[in-house]
N, C-alpha and C. Protein backbone atom coordinates (compact mmCIF):
# COMPACT_ATOMS: atom_id res chain seq x y z
N UNK A 1 68.44 29.22 -39.39
CA UNK A 1 69.31 28.54 -37.70
C UNK A 1 67.87 28.91 -37.13
N UNK A 2 67.52 27.89 -35.79
CA UNK A 2 66.10 28.18 -35.41
C UNK A 2 66.21 29.85 -34.52
N UNK A 3 65.38 30.27 -34.15
CA UNK A 3 65.16 31.65 -33.57
C UNK A 3 65.03 31.63 -31.82
N UNK A 4 65.50 31.86 -31.26
CA UNK A 4 65.19 32.02 -29.71
C UNK A 4 64.00 32.74 -29.59
N UNK A 5 62.83 32.06 -28.85
CA UNK A 5 61.58 32.61 -28.69
C UNK A 5 61.41 33.53 -27.72
N UNK A 6 61.26 34.70 -28.21
CA UNK A 6 60.73 35.72 -27.33
C UNK A 6 59.44 36.02 -27.19
N UNK A 7 59.08 35.39 -25.67
CA UNK A 7 57.71 35.10 -25.09
C UNK A 7 56.55 36.35 -25.03
N UNK A 8 57.61 37.64 -24.95
CA UNK A 8 56.96 38.59 -24.53
C UNK A 8 56.04 39.29 -26.12
N UNK A 9 56.59 38.90 -27.23
CA UNK A 9 56.03 38.97 -28.24
C UNK A 9 54.44 38.24 -28.81
N UNK A 10 53.47 39.02 -29.25
CA UNK A 10 52.27 38.60 -29.11
C UNK A 10 51.33 38.45 -27.86
N UNK A 11 52.20 39.24 -26.62
CA UNK A 11 51.07 39.46 -25.82
C UNK A 11 50.59 41.39 -25.93
N UNK A 12 49.52 41.53 -25.76
CA UNK A 12 48.73 42.73 -25.68
C UNK A 12 49.24 43.54 -24.94
N UNK A 13 50.16 44.43 -25.17
CA UNK A 13 50.69 45.42 -24.53
C UNK A 13 49.78 46.16 -23.11
N UNK A 14 48.94 46.00 -23.07
CA UNK A 14 48.06 46.03 -21.72
C UNK A 14 48.52 45.04 -20.90
N UNK A 15 48.62 43.70 -21.42
CA UNK A 15 49.44 42.86 -20.46
C UNK A 15 50.92 42.50 -19.86
N UNK A 16 51.09 43.30 -21.21
CA UNK A 16 52.99 43.17 -20.90
C UNK A 16 53.43 43.99 -19.89
N UNK A 17 52.49 45.10 -19.80
CA UNK A 17 52.69 45.89 -18.89
C UNK A 17 52.80 45.65 -17.28
N UNK A 18 51.99 44.54 -17.31
CA UNK A 18 51.96 43.67 -16.18
C UNK A 18 53.08 43.11 -15.82
N UNK A 19 53.78 42.60 -16.61
CA UNK A 19 54.56 42.03 -16.00
C UNK A 19 56.28 42.34 -15.70
N UNK A 20 56.56 42.16 -14.92
CA UNK A 20 57.89 42.98 -14.03
C UNK A 20 59.20 42.46 -14.80
N UNK A 21 59.98 43.36 -15.22
CA UNK A 21 61.08 42.66 -15.83
C UNK A 21 61.97 42.48 -14.99
N UNK A 22 62.61 41.58 -15.70
CA UNK A 22 62.92 41.07 -14.94
C UNK A 22 64.32 41.59 -15.42
N UNK A 23 69.76 27.98 -22.13
CA UNK A 23 69.99 26.90 -22.98
C UNK A 23 68.96 25.96 -22.06
N UNK A 24 69.35 25.17 -22.08
CA UNK A 24 68.81 24.13 -21.34
C UNK A 24 68.74 24.23 -19.83
N UNK A 25 67.46 23.52 -19.33
CA UNK A 25 67.55 23.26 -17.45
C UNK A 25 68.90 22.60 -17.32
N UNK A 26 69.91 23.43 -17.13
CA UNK A 26 71.07 22.22 -16.65
C UNK A 26 71.50 22.80 -15.31
N UNK A 27 71.54 23.99 -14.86
CA UNK A 27 71.74 24.48 -13.81
C UNK A 27 70.91 24.00 -12.53
N UNK A 28 71.74 24.24 -10.92
CA UNK A 28 70.80 23.28 -10.49
C UNK A 28 71.19 24.37 -9.00
N UNK A 29 70.54 24.34 -8.07
CA UNK A 29 70.58 25.22 -6.85
C UNK A 29 70.44 24.35 -5.22
N UNK A 30 70.93 24.93 -4.50
CA UNK A 30 70.24 24.35 -3.32
C UNK A 30 69.57 25.18 -2.61
N UNK A 31 69.84 26.52 -2.99
CA UNK A 31 68.92 27.87 -2.50
C UNK A 31 67.14 27.01 -2.30
N UNK A 32 66.70 27.41 -1.24
CA UNK A 32 65.08 27.14 -1.35
C UNK A 32 64.48 28.31 -1.84
N UNK A 33 63.52 27.45 -2.54
CA UNK A 33 62.22 28.30 -3.07
C UNK A 33 61.67 28.98 -2.37
N UNK A 34 60.91 30.12 -2.89
CA UNK A 34 59.77 30.84 -2.09
C UNK A 34 58.56 29.93 -2.10
N UNK A 35 57.79 30.12 -0.65
CA UNK A 35 56.78 28.97 -0.80
C UNK A 35 55.80 28.73 -1.77
N UNK A 36 55.36 30.63 -2.55
CA UNK A 36 54.65 29.72 -4.09
C UNK A 36 55.48 30.15 -5.06
N UNK A 37 56.29 29.68 -5.14
CA UNK A 37 57.26 29.77 -6.66
C UNK A 37 56.58 29.11 -7.75
N UNK A 38 55.85 29.68 -8.61
CA UNK A 38 54.65 29.63 -10.00
C UNK A 38 55.87 28.57 -10.93
N UNK A 39 56.72 28.76 -11.05
CA UNK A 39 57.37 27.66 -12.15
C UNK A 39 58.07 26.23 -12.16
N UNK A 40 57.93 25.85 -13.45
CA UNK A 40 58.29 24.46 -13.16
C UNK A 40 59.82 23.82 -12.65
N UNK A 41 60.46 24.94 -13.67
CA UNK A 41 62.03 24.80 -13.36
C UNK A 41 62.43 25.26 -12.05
N UNK A 42 63.77 24.41 -11.76
CA UNK A 42 63.86 24.55 -10.36
C UNK A 42 64.34 25.99 -10.11
N UNK A 43 64.48 26.68 -8.97
CA UNK A 43 64.61 27.97 -8.35
C UNK A 43 65.91 27.89 -8.27
N UNK A 44 66.74 29.17 -9.03
CA UNK A 44 68.01 29.17 -9.40
C UNK A 44 68.10 30.47 -9.61
N UNK A 45 68.45 31.66 -9.47
CA UNK A 45 68.57 32.65 -9.52
C UNK A 45 70.19 33.01 -10.14
N UNK A 46 71.21 31.99 -9.42
CA UNK A 46 72.21 32.34 -10.21
C UNK A 46 72.68 31.47 -11.30
N UNK A 47 72.95 31.71 -12.49
CA UNK A 47 73.76 30.88 -13.22
C UNK A 47 75.04 30.21 -13.20
N UNK A 48 74.85 29.05 -13.50
CA UNK A 48 76.08 27.85 -13.07
C UNK A 48 76.93 28.55 -14.63
N UNK A 49 78.18 29.02 -13.52
CA UNK A 49 79.09 29.00 -14.64
C UNK A 49 79.63 28.06 -15.46
N UNK A 50 80.11 26.80 -14.59
CA UNK A 50 80.46 25.55 -15.28
C UNK A 50 79.62 24.79 -15.98
N UNK A 51 78.50 24.84 -16.14
CA UNK A 51 77.26 24.22 -16.69
C UNK A 51 77.66 25.05 -18.29
N UNK A 52 77.93 26.50 -18.35
CA UNK A 52 77.95 26.80 -19.71
C UNK A 52 79.10 27.31 -20.23
N UNK A 53 79.93 27.11 -19.58
CA UNK A 53 81.64 27.95 -19.88
C UNK A 53 82.83 26.54 -19.36
N UNK A 54 83.17 26.20 -20.37
CA UNK A 54 84.16 25.48 -20.27
C UNK A 54 85.46 25.79 -20.64
N UNK A 55 85.71 26.85 -21.08
CA UNK A 55 87.34 27.97 -21.61
C UNK A 55 87.47 28.23 -19.97
N UNK A 56 88.79 29.14 -20.26
CA UNK A 56 89.74 29.61 -19.39
C UNK A 56 88.88 30.26 -17.94
N UNK A 57 89.86 30.23 -16.92
CA UNK A 57 89.03 31.03 -15.81
C UNK A 57 89.18 32.64 -16.43
N UNK A 58 87.46 33.12 -15.90
CA UNK A 58 87.36 34.19 -16.20
C UNK A 58 87.19 35.25 -14.98
N UNK A 59 87.85 34.80 -13.59
CA UNK A 59 87.91 35.47 -12.48
C UNK A 59 88.32 37.24 -13.01
N UNK A 60 89.62 37.00 -13.55
CA UNK A 60 90.10 38.37 -13.67
C UNK A 60 89.59 39.48 -14.95
N UNK A 61 88.72 38.42 -15.76
CA UNK A 61 88.52 39.07 -16.98
C UNK A 61 86.78 40.06 -16.23
N UNK A 62 86.13 39.05 -15.79
CA UNK A 62 84.94 40.07 -15.04
C UNK A 62 85.45 41.31 -14.46
N UNK A 63 86.52 40.95 -13.69
CA UNK A 63 86.69 42.38 -13.09
C UNK A 63 87.23 43.48 -14.34
N UNK A 64 87.72 43.09 -15.50
CA UNK A 64 88.11 44.13 -16.46
C UNK A 64 87.43 44.24 -17.82
N UNK A 65 86.58 43.27 -17.77
CA UNK A 65 86.25 43.56 -19.64
C UNK A 65 85.64 44.70 -20.18
N UNK A 66 84.96 45.22 -18.64
CA UNK A 66 84.43 46.71 -19.26
C UNK A 66 85.28 47.81 -19.32
N UNK A 67 86.48 47.66 -19.35
CA UNK A 67 87.22 48.64 -19.58
C UNK A 67 87.53 48.61 -21.56
N UNK A 68 86.97 48.05 -21.99
CA UNK A 68 87.32 47.67 -23.85
C UNK A 68 86.33 48.32 -24.43
N UNK A 69 86.10 49.25 -24.74
CA UNK A 69 85.18 49.96 -25.68
C UNK A 69 84.81 49.06 -26.36
N UNK A 70 85.12 48.15 -27.33
CA UNK A 70 84.65 47.42 -28.44
C UNK A 70 83.87 46.31 -27.95
N UNK A 71 84.55 45.37 -26.95
CA UNK A 71 83.95 44.64 -26.24
C UNK A 71 82.39 45.11 -25.40
N UNK A 72 82.88 46.04 -24.74
CA UNK A 72 81.32 46.69 -24.12
C UNK A 72 80.05 46.97 -25.30
N UNK A 73 80.64 47.47 -26.51
CA UNK A 73 79.70 47.32 -27.52
C UNK A 73 79.00 45.90 -28.38
N UNK A 74 80.00 45.35 -28.15
CA UNK A 74 79.49 44.14 -28.87
C UNK A 74 78.59 43.42 -27.57
N UNK A 75 78.79 43.05 -26.39
CA UNK A 75 78.48 42.77 -25.19
C UNK A 75 76.92 43.28 -25.30
N UNK A 76 76.66 44.45 -25.57
CA UNK A 76 75.11 44.95 -25.52
C UNK A 76 74.58 44.67 -26.85
N UNK A 77 75.00 44.38 -27.95
CA UNK A 77 74.19 43.98 -28.53
C UNK A 77 74.14 42.33 -29.08
N UNK A 78 74.59 41.49 -27.85
CA UNK A 78 74.44 40.38 -28.05
C UNK A 78 73.73 40.24 -26.90
N UNK A 79 73.40 41.10 -26.02
CA UNK A 79 72.35 41.02 -24.81
C UNK A 79 71.16 41.21 -25.18
N UNK A 80 70.86 41.53 -26.29
CA UNK A 80 69.48 41.72 -26.83
C UNK A 80 68.50 40.77 -27.13
N UNK A 81 67.25 40.79 -25.88
CA UNK A 81 66.76 39.69 -25.50
C UNK A 81 65.76 39.35 -27.11
N UNK A 82 65.66 40.14 -28.16
CA UNK A 82 65.05 39.66 -29.34
C UNK A 82 65.94 39.13 -30.57
N UNK A 83 67.71 39.36 -30.32
CA UNK A 83 68.44 38.81 -30.95
C UNK A 83 68.21 37.27 -31.28
N UNK A 84 68.19 36.84 -32.67
CA UNK A 84 67.98 35.51 -33.16
C UNK A 84 69.33 34.94 -32.56
N UNK A 85 69.29 33.20 -32.82
CA UNK A 85 70.95 32.88 -32.36
C UNK A 85 71.40 33.13 -33.97
N UNK A 86 71.09 32.97 -35.07
CA UNK A 86 71.86 33.33 -36.20
C UNK A 86 72.37 34.71 -36.00
N UNK A 87 71.55 35.26 -35.77
CA UNK A 87 72.28 36.77 -35.82
C UNK A 87 73.16 37.00 -35.19
N UNK A 88 72.80 36.34 -33.58
CA UNK A 88 74.09 36.62 -32.44
C UNK A 88 75.38 35.57 -33.08
N UNK A 89 74.94 34.37 -33.50
CA UNK A 89 76.54 33.78 -34.08
C UNK A 89 77.10 34.73 -34.90
N UNK A 90 76.62 35.42 -36.12
CA UNK A 90 77.02 36.47 -36.82
C UNK A 90 78.19 37.79 -36.36
N UNK A 91 77.18 38.12 -34.77
CA UNK A 91 78.15 39.16 -34.51
C UNK A 91 79.43 38.51 -33.70
N UNK A 92 79.19 37.31 -33.19
CA UNK A 92 80.36 36.48 -32.72
C UNK A 92 81.74 36.65 -33.17
N UNK A 93 81.11 35.90 -34.96
CA UNK A 93 81.91 35.58 -35.90
C UNK A 93 82.58 36.48 -36.16
N UNK A 94 81.81 38.19 -36.56
CA UNK A 94 82.62 39.06 -37.06
C UNK A 94 83.25 39.78 -35.81
N UNK A 95 83.24 39.67 -34.93
CA UNK A 95 84.43 40.11 -33.84
C UNK A 95 85.33 39.26 -33.73
N UNK A 96 85.13 37.77 -33.53
CA UNK A 96 86.75 37.20 -33.67
C UNK A 96 87.23 37.46 -34.86
N UNK A 97 87.04 37.65 -36.34
CA UNK A 97 87.62 37.78 -37.19
C UNK A 97 88.42 38.66 -37.38
N UNK A 98 87.85 39.65 -36.33
CA UNK A 98 88.56 41.05 -36.91
C UNK A 98 90.07 40.69 -36.10
N UNK A 99 90.02 39.88 -35.25
CA UNK A 99 91.45 39.54 -34.80
C UNK A 99 91.75 38.23 -35.16
N UNK A 100 92.21 38.38 -36.46
CA UNK A 100 92.57 37.29 -37.58
C UNK A 100 93.49 37.98 -38.74
N UNK A 101 94.72 37.15 -38.88
CA UNK A 101 95.32 37.82 -40.04
C UNK A 101 94.52 36.56 -41.83
N UNK A 102 93.83 38.12 -42.29
CA UNK A 102 92.94 37.80 -43.28
C UNK A 102 91.90 36.28 -42.93
N UNK A 103 91.19 36.74 -41.80
CA UNK A 103 90.34 35.80 -41.29
C UNK A 103 91.02 34.43 -41.09
N UNK A 104 92.11 33.99 -41.31
CA UNK A 104 92.38 32.89 -41.08
C UNK A 104 93.33 32.59 -39.91
N UNK A 105 94.69 33.30 -39.43
CA UNK A 105 95.78 32.61 -38.34
C UNK A 105 94.92 33.67 -37.27
N UNK A 106 94.46 33.56 -36.15
CA UNK A 106 94.54 34.18 -35.24
C UNK A 106 95.51 35.01 -35.05
N UNK A 107 95.51 36.47 -34.69
CA UNK A 107 96.06 37.33 -33.90
C UNK A 107 96.57 36.95 -32.36
N UNK A 108 97.48 37.29 -32.05
CA UNK A 108 97.80 37.04 -30.71
C UNK A 108 96.71 37.62 -29.58
N UNK A 109 96.12 38.45 -29.74
CA UNK A 109 94.72 39.27 -28.82
C UNK A 109 93.75 38.64 -28.90
N UNK A 110 93.34 37.60 -29.90
CA UNK A 110 92.01 37.22 -30.18
C UNK A 110 91.54 36.45 -28.63
N UNK A 111 92.16 35.91 -28.45
CA UNK A 111 91.88 34.60 -27.50
C UNK A 111 91.54 35.61 -25.92
N UNK A 112 91.96 36.75 -25.25
CA UNK A 112 91.92 37.80 -24.83
C UNK A 112 90.43 38.77 -24.90
N UNK A 113 90.36 39.02 -25.80
CA UNK A 113 89.06 39.60 -26.24
C UNK A 113 88.03 38.91 -26.22
N UNK A 114 88.12 37.55 -26.65
CA UNK A 114 87.07 36.40 -26.80
C UNK A 114 86.98 36.73 -25.19
N UNK A 115 87.61 36.39 -24.67
CA UNK A 115 86.80 35.58 -23.01
C UNK A 115 86.77 36.88 -22.33
N UNK A 116 87.21 38.21 -22.66
CA UNK A 116 86.31 39.46 -22.03
C UNK A 116 85.10 39.22 -22.37
N UNK A 117 84.85 39.43 -24.02
CA UNK A 117 83.63 39.23 -24.58
C UNK A 117 82.76 38.32 -23.65
N UNK A 118 82.94 36.92 -23.17
CA UNK A 118 82.28 35.80 -22.59
C UNK A 118 82.06 36.59 -21.16
N UNK A 119 82.97 37.30 -20.55
CA UNK A 119 83.04 37.63 -19.29
C UNK A 119 81.57 38.58 -19.25
N UNK A 120 82.11 39.86 -20.29
CA UNK A 120 80.80 40.90 -20.10
C UNK A 120 79.43 40.22 -20.56
N UNK A 121 79.16 39.01 -20.86
CA UNK A 121 77.76 38.37 -21.19
C UNK A 121 77.77 37.51 -20.06
N UNK A 122 78.18 36.92 -19.56
CA UNK A 122 77.86 36.26 -18.50
C UNK A 122 77.65 37.26 -17.40
N UNK A 123 78.47 38.27 -17.05
CA UNK A 123 78.00 39.30 -15.89
C UNK A 123 76.78 39.83 -15.92
N UNK A 124 76.50 40.39 -17.39
CA UNK A 124 75.52 40.80 -17.81
C UNK A 124 73.93 39.66 -17.83
N UNK A 125 74.42 38.58 -18.07
CA UNK A 125 73.07 37.32 -18.21
C UNK A 125 72.85 37.32 -16.61
N UNK A 126 74.11 37.47 -15.99
CA UNK A 126 73.70 36.96 -14.12
C UNK A 126 72.73 37.82 -13.47
N UNK A 127 73.34 39.24 -13.89
CA UNK A 127 72.49 40.38 -12.91
C UNK A 127 71.23 40.18 -13.85
N UNK A 128 70.92 40.05 -14.98
CA UNK A 128 69.51 40.17 -15.80
C UNK A 128 68.71 38.80 -14.83
N UNK A 129 69.37 37.86 -15.01
CA UNK A 129 68.72 36.77 -14.14
C UNK A 129 68.31 36.68 -12.92
N UNK A 130 68.96 37.50 -12.03
CA UNK A 130 68.63 37.95 -10.73
C UNK A 130 67.37 38.86 -10.68
N UNK A 131 67.50 40.07 -11.46
CA UNK A 131 66.21 40.47 -11.75
C UNK A 131 64.73 40.02 -12.55
N UNK A 132 65.10 38.69 -13.16
CA UNK A 132 64.02 38.20 -13.57
C UNK A 132 62.94 37.34 -12.16
N UNK A 133 64.18 37.10 -11.89
CA UNK A 133 64.00 36.23 -10.62
C UNK A 133 63.40 37.00 -9.38
N UNK A 134 63.75 37.76 -9.08
CA UNK A 134 62.88 39.09 -8.78
C UNK A 134 61.60 39.62 -8.81
N UNK A 135 61.56 39.56 -10.26
CA UNK A 135 60.24 40.18 -10.64
C UNK A 135 59.40 39.30 -11.07
N UNK A 136 59.46 37.74 -10.83
CA UNK A 136 58.81 36.26 -10.90
C UNK A 136 57.94 36.26 -9.20
N UNK A 137 58.93 36.83 -8.53
CA UNK A 137 58.28 36.53 -7.09
C UNK A 137 57.47 38.00 -6.62
N UNK A 138 57.92 38.87 -7.29
CA UNK A 138 57.00 40.09 -7.29
C UNK A 138 55.91 39.92 -7.72
N UNK A 139 55.66 39.05 -9.02
CA UNK A 139 54.93 39.14 -9.84
C UNK A 139 53.56 38.14 -8.88
N UNK A 140 54.28 37.28 -7.95
CA UNK A 140 53.29 36.01 -7.20
C UNK A 140 52.45 36.77 -6.22
N UNK A 141 53.79 37.77 -5.68
CA UNK A 141 52.85 38.12 -4.52
C UNK A 141 51.61 39.45 -5.00
N UNK A 142 51.66 39.93 -6.21
CA UNK A 142 50.91 40.88 -6.47
C UNK A 142 49.38 39.91 -7.01
N UNK A 143 50.15 38.88 -7.57
CA UNK A 143 48.97 37.77 -7.62
C UNK A 143 47.97 37.63 -6.29
N UNK A 144 48.91 37.39 -5.68
CA UNK A 144 48.19 36.90 -4.08
C UNK A 144 47.16 38.25 -3.43
N UNK A 145 47.74 39.75 -4.18
CA UNK A 145 46.81 40.85 -3.87
C UNK A 145 45.61 40.86 -4.25
N UNK A 146 45.48 40.93 -5.58
CA UNK A 146 44.50 40.37 -6.47
C UNK A 146 43.62 39.36 -6.09
N UNK A 147 44.01 38.18 -5.12
CA UNK A 147 43.41 37.18 -4.84
C UNK A 147 42.51 37.61 -3.51
N UNK A 148 43.40 38.28 -2.66
CA UNK A 148 42.70 38.86 -1.25
C UNK A 148 41.46 39.44 -1.93
N UNK A 149 41.32 40.79 -2.74
CA UNK A 149 40.52 41.51 -3.05
C UNK A 149 39.24 41.22 -3.70
N UNK A 150 39.48 39.75 -4.45
CA UNK A 150 38.37 39.12 -5.00
C UNK A 150 37.94 38.86 -3.61
N UNK A 151 38.40 37.56 -2.82
CA UNK A 151 38.01 37.16 -1.81
C UNK A 151 36.88 37.99 -0.68
N UNK A 152 38.04 39.08 -0.70
CA UNK A 152 36.89 40.30 0.14
C UNK A 152 35.87 41.25 -0.85
N UNK A 153 35.79 41.23 -1.58
CA UNK A 153 34.66 41.64 -2.45
C UNK A 153 33.61 40.55 -2.48
N UNK A 154 34.00 39.29 -2.74
CA UNK A 154 32.91 38.19 -2.65
C UNK A 154 32.50 37.82 -1.30
N UNK A 155 32.76 37.92 -0.15
CA UNK A 155 32.40 38.13 1.25
C UNK A 155 31.38 39.30 1.47
N UNK A 156 32.11 40.26 0.85
CA UNK A 156 30.95 41.61 0.95
C UNK A 156 29.29 41.08 0.50
N UNK A 157 29.84 40.71 -0.78
CA UNK A 157 28.65 40.34 -1.60
C UNK A 157 27.50 39.75 -0.72
N UNK A 158 28.13 38.16 -0.52
CA UNK A 158 27.43 37.78 0.48
C UNK A 158 26.98 38.17 1.69
N UNK A 159 27.46 39.26 2.08
CA UNK A 159 26.44 39.91 3.43
C UNK A 159 25.47 40.45 2.88
N UNK A 160 25.50 41.49 1.67
CA UNK A 160 24.64 41.87 1.16
C UNK A 160 23.32 41.27 0.69
N UNK A 161 23.92 39.95 0.18
CA UNK A 161 22.55 38.96 -0.67
C UNK A 161 21.89 38.87 0.71
N UNK A 162 22.54 38.33 1.91
CA UNK A 162 21.93 37.93 2.84
C UNK A 162 20.67 38.93 3.32
N UNK A 163 21.27 39.88 3.19
CA UNK A 163 20.66 41.22 3.91
C UNK A 163 19.43 41.86 2.93
N UNK A 164 19.57 40.97 1.82
CA UNK A 164 18.37 41.17 0.85
C UNK A 164 18.61 42.60 -0.03
N UNK A 165 19.80 43.04 0.47
CA UNK A 165 20.19 44.42 -0.95
C UNK A 165 19.79 44.15 -2.54
N UNK A 166 19.32 44.78 -2.62
CA UNK A 166 18.95 44.95 -4.53
C UNK A 166 20.01 45.53 -5.10
N UNK A 167 20.57 44.51 -6.14
CA UNK A 167 21.73 44.21 -6.95
C UNK A 167 21.97 45.70 -7.29
N UNK A 168 20.84 46.60 -7.55
CA UNK A 168 21.15 47.61 -8.27
C UNK A 168 21.35 48.84 -7.10
N UNK A 169 21.39 48.48 -5.77
CA UNK A 169 21.74 49.38 -4.49
C UNK A 169 23.64 49.71 -4.78
N UNK A 170 23.78 50.98 -4.71
CA UNK A 170 24.87 51.52 -4.95
C UNK A 170 26.14 50.37 -4.35
N UNK A 171 25.74 50.09 -3.13
CA UNK A 171 27.21 49.57 -2.31
C UNK A 171 27.40 48.15 -3.00
N UNK A 172 26.23 47.56 -3.53
CA UNK A 172 26.30 46.51 -3.97
C UNK A 172 26.91 46.43 -5.66
N UNK A 173 26.33 47.50 -6.22
CA UNK A 173 27.28 47.83 -7.65
C UNK A 173 28.63 48.09 -7.36
N UNK A 174 28.84 48.53 -6.54
CA UNK A 174 30.88 48.72 -5.65
C UNK A 174 31.42 47.43 -5.66
N UNK A 175 30.75 46.74 -4.79
CA UNK A 175 31.25 45.63 -4.73
C UNK A 175 31.52 44.33 -5.56
N UNK A 176 30.55 44.78 -6.74
CA UNK A 176 30.41 43.70 -7.97
C UNK A 176 31.49 44.17 -8.62
N UNK A 177 31.76 45.63 -8.79
CA UNK A 177 32.55 45.88 -9.74
C UNK A 177 33.96 45.72 -9.71
N UNK A 178 33.72 46.04 -8.09
CA UNK A 178 35.52 45.53 -7.86
C UNK A 178 35.86 44.17 -7.96
N UNK A 179 34.82 43.37 -7.46
CA UNK A 179 35.20 41.70 -7.49
C UNK A 179 35.09 41.43 -9.27
N UNK A 180 34.30 41.91 -10.20
CA UNK A 180 34.60 41.72 -11.46
C UNK A 180 35.66 42.21 -12.13
N UNK A 181 36.30 43.27 -11.68
CA UNK A 181 37.74 44.06 -12.41
C UNK A 181 38.75 43.10 -11.93
N UNK A 182 39.04 42.80 -10.59
CA UNK A 182 40.13 41.93 -10.11
C UNK A 182 39.74 40.49 -10.00
N UNK A 183 38.58 40.07 -10.67
CA UNK A 183 38.81 38.69 -11.16
C UNK A 183 39.67 38.95 -12.74
N UNK A 184 39.27 39.49 -13.22
CA UNK A 184 39.58 39.77 -14.93
C UNK A 184 41.52 40.09 -14.85
N UNK A 185 41.61 40.70 -14.30
CA UNK A 185 42.86 40.93 -14.21
C UNK A 185 43.65 39.92 -13.50
N UNK A 186 43.32 39.61 -12.67
CA UNK A 186 43.80 38.30 -11.97
C UNK A 186 44.05 36.82 -13.01
N UNK A 187 42.73 36.94 -13.87
CA UNK A 187 42.68 35.78 -14.55
C UNK A 187 44.02 35.86 -15.78
N UNK A 188 43.79 37.08 -16.41
CA UNK A 188 44.56 37.67 -17.11
C UNK A 188 46.66 37.51 -16.97
N UNK A 189 46.64 37.96 -15.51
CA UNK A 189 47.95 37.62 -15.30
C UNK A 189 48.12 36.16 -14.82
N UNK A 190 47.48 34.99 -14.74
CA UNK A 190 47.44 34.20 -14.57
C UNK A 190 47.97 32.98 -15.77
N UNK A 191 47.34 33.83 -16.75
CA UNK A 191 47.83 33.42 -18.35
C UNK A 191 49.25 33.63 -18.53
N UNK A 192 49.71 34.97 -17.76
CA UNK A 192 51.02 35.27 -18.46
C UNK A 192 51.65 34.24 -17.67
N UNK A 193 51.63 33.41 -16.73
CA UNK A 193 52.55 32.85 -15.68
C UNK A 193 53.58 32.17 -16.58
N UNK A 194 53.36 31.45 -17.41
CA UNK A 194 53.91 30.69 -18.21
C UNK A 194 55.28 31.34 -19.03
N UNK A 195 54.88 32.78 -19.73
CA UNK A 195 55.67 33.75 -19.93
C UNK A 195 56.63 33.89 -19.22
N UNK A 196 56.25 34.55 -18.21
CA UNK A 196 57.12 35.12 -17.01
C UNK A 196 58.27 33.74 -16.99
N UNK A 197 57.82 32.76 -16.41
CA UNK A 197 58.78 31.69 -15.83
C UNK A 197 59.71 31.49 -16.99
N UNK A 198 59.29 31.40 -18.49
CA UNK A 198 60.24 30.96 -19.78
C UNK A 198 61.06 32.11 -20.17
N UNK A 199 61.03 33.10 -19.31
CA UNK A 199 62.18 34.38 -19.68
C UNK A 199 63.78 34.00 -19.26
N UNK A 200 63.48 33.15 -18.09
CA UNK A 200 65.16 33.43 -17.42
C UNK A 200 65.55 31.76 -18.38
N UNK A 201 64.57 31.09 -18.79
CA UNK A 201 64.81 29.95 -19.58
C UNK A 201 65.58 30.25 -21.18
N UNK A 202 65.16 31.26 -21.67
CA UNK A 202 65.66 31.79 -23.21
C UNK A 202 66.78 32.66 -22.82
N UNK A 203 66.71 33.40 -21.38
CA UNK A 203 68.34 33.84 -21.10
C UNK A 203 69.45 33.24 -20.90
N UNK A 204 69.35 31.98 -20.46
CA UNK A 204 70.29 30.90 -20.19
C UNK A 204 70.50 29.88 -21.69
N UNK A 205 69.32 29.92 -22.41
CA UNK A 205 69.72 29.46 -23.72
C UNK A 205 70.58 30.39 -24.77
N UNK A 206 70.37 31.31 -24.75
CA UNK A 206 70.71 32.69 -25.47
C UNK A 206 72.63 32.45 -24.59
N UNK A 207 72.77 32.81 -23.33
CA UNK A 207 74.20 32.65 -23.18
C UNK A 207 75.10 31.10 -23.19
N UNK A 208 73.94 30.35 -23.48
CA UNK A 208 74.67 29.05 -23.54
C UNK A 208 75.26 29.14 -25.10
N UNK A 209 74.21 29.47 -26.23
CA UNK A 209 75.20 29.24 -27.58
C UNK A 209 76.33 30.52 -27.97
N UNK A 210 75.82 31.58 -27.24
CA UNK A 210 76.81 32.26 -26.99
C UNK A 210 78.14 31.73 -26.66
N UNK A 211 78.55 31.48 -25.61
CA UNK A 211 79.69 30.19 -25.06
C UNK A 211 80.28 29.22 -26.12
N UNK A 212 79.12 28.83 -26.73
CA UNK A 212 79.59 27.32 -27.48
C UNK A 212 80.72 28.07 -28.69
N UNK A 213 79.74 29.04 -29.25
CA UNK A 213 80.37 30.04 -30.47
C UNK A 213 81.94 30.55 -30.22
N UNK A 214 81.85 31.25 -28.83
CA UNK A 214 82.79 31.88 -28.60
C UNK A 214 84.48 30.66 -28.22
N UNK A 215 84.07 29.73 -27.75
CA UNK A 215 84.85 28.72 -27.33
C UNK A 215 84.95 27.98 -28.66
N UNK A 216 84.39 27.99 -30.04
CA UNK A 216 84.82 27.15 -30.59
C UNK A 216 86.14 28.27 -31.46
N UNK A 217 86.36 29.40 -31.26
CA UNK A 217 87.32 30.12 -31.73
C UNK A 217 88.60 29.68 -30.94
N UNK A 218 88.40 29.76 -29.24
CA UNK A 218 89.49 29.59 -28.82
C UNK A 218 89.78 28.08 -28.42
N UNK A 219 89.16 27.25 -28.56
CA UNK A 219 89.81 26.06 -28.55
C UNK A 219 89.73 25.41 -29.66
N UNK A 220 90.47 25.21 -30.28
CA UNK A 220 90.99 24.63 -31.54
C UNK A 220 92.15 23.43 -32.00
């Protein structure tokens, strides 16, 4: 089975610390994106339930799924962002088969257990997606801070050069160092933009395959 990528992997730890934690691009939104939204995907901080789930209504299950300790445990395992699709599918299969007779005939409570499981997964994914989108906005705002700092230091250096200040002058060195540091950090963060933007995509892919697997036991 193809693994779900975790774009956080491979990013040096110092860069990962700069990232604010937050299926297919199938959901759409009428919400207006922030002026400097950096991602290619449509601005949509809310998961579209109807695009993910074609099963029974989960309105009541959303309220009560957390009352089942076993569902809580399985939902927590399936919400692990580094879990592969193959691993996640195996967890769902094992959970579903616990509520069958000899792994063949479904027990009466299997459907309720599985709907509760999806409800928990959907709620967790929805909450995390909102955090991810807020994180992306904060990421962009922080980029603006670095951009302004670079512009300010650059302006000051131009003024000092016009005055004929030597490049070894302490004031010149100070602003030169500030500009160099802020430019380096800004460029590093710019390279991270793609990774930051992809996180909600992988989250939606994950809840998508989980929904399909759960439905395969409910709709037969």
